[in-house]
Amino acid sequence: MAIYIKTLSFSTRGAFKPERDDSRVNDALQQLQSQGAKISDVRVAFGESLVIYLIIYEATSPII
């Protein structure tokens, strides 16, 4: 299997909001796993007004 990435980004507007972002990230993880992906890592980067999640996964082809 090959390794791919999926990125998600959210505006923070001054405060990180896990109650909003967690469900969106969990939905993306669930979608990838339901299509046969094996999640290898999830990384988070914070910018001035942005949160970026990088999901690294293994699959036979990219999952959109």
Protein backbone atom coordinates (compact mmCIF):
# COMPACT_ATOMS: atom_id res chain seq x y z
CA MET A 1 0.00 0.00 0.00
CA ALA A 2 1.09 3.56 -0.68
CA ILE A 3 1.15 6.45 1.79
CA TYR A 4 -1.10 9.48 1.22
CA ILE A 5 -2.12 12.60 3.11
CA LYS A 6 -5.39 14.39 3.69
CA THR A 7 -5.38 17.95 4.98
CA LEU A 8 -8.11 19.75 6.86
CA SER A 9 -7.91 23.40 7.84
CA PHE A 10 -10.12 25.54 10.03
CA SER A 11 -10.20 29.21 10.90
CA THR A 12 -9.60 29.69 14.62
CA ARG A 13 -10.70 33.33 14.97
CA GLY A 14 -8.51 33.73 18.03
CA ALA A 15 -9.42 30.51 19.86
CA PHE A 16 -9.07 26.81 19.17
CA LYS A 17 -12.49 25.14 19.40
CA PRO A 18 -12.19 21.37 19.85
CA GLU A 19 -15.96 20.93 20.21
CA ARG A 20 -16.31 22.15 16.61
CA ASP A 21 -13.13 20.76 15.04
CA ASP A 22 -13.09 17.32 16.70
CA SER A 23 -16.24 16.13 14.96
CA ARG A 24 -14.99 17.31 11.56
CA VAL A 25 -11.65 15.56 12.02
CA ASN A 26 -13.35 12.41 13.35
CA ASP A 27 -15.69 12.39 10.33
CA ALA A 28 -12.70 12.59 7.97
CA LEU A 29 -10.94 9.77 9.84
CA GLN A 30 -14.07 7.63 9.75
CA GLN A 31 -14.51 8.24 6.01
CA LEU A 32 -10.93 7.21 5.29
CA GLN A 33 -11.14 4.10 7.45
CA SER A 34 -14.48 3.03 5.97
CA GLN A 35 -12.84 3.08 2.54
CA GLY A 36 -10.01 0.82 3.67
CA ALA A 37 -7.37 3.34 4.75
CA LYS A 38 -5.02 2.60 7.63
CA ILE A 39 -4.33 5.82 9.57
CA SER A 40 -0.62 6.18 10.33
CA ASP A 41 -0.49 9.60 11.99
CA VAL A 42 -2.41 12.80 12.60
CA ARG A 43 -0.44 16.02 12.98
CA VAL A 44 -1.66 19.48 13.93
CA ALA A 45 -0.15 22.86 13.11
CA PHE A 46 -1.38 26.19 14.45
CA GLY A 47 -1.09 29.46 12.60
CA GLU A 48 -2.15 32.95 13.52
CA SER A 49 -5.80 32.29 12.69
CA LEU A 50 -5.69 28.77 11.25
CA VAL A 51 -5.47 25.18 12.45
CA ILE A 52 -4.25 22.60 9.95
CA TYR A 53 -4.66 18.85 10.45
CA LEU A 54 -2.49 16.53 8.37
CA ILE A 55 -3.79 12.96 8.28
CA ILE A 56 -1.26 10.45 7.00
CA TYR A 57 -2.77 7.17 5.82
CA GLU A 58 -1.99 4.03 3.85
CA ALA A 59 -4.30 2.87 1.06
CA THR A 60 -4.22 1.27 -2.36
CA SER A 61 -5.09 4.64 -3.97
CA PRO A 62 -5.82 8.21 -2.80
CA ILE A 63 -9.17 8.68 -1.11
CA ILE A 64 -10.95 11.95 -1.81
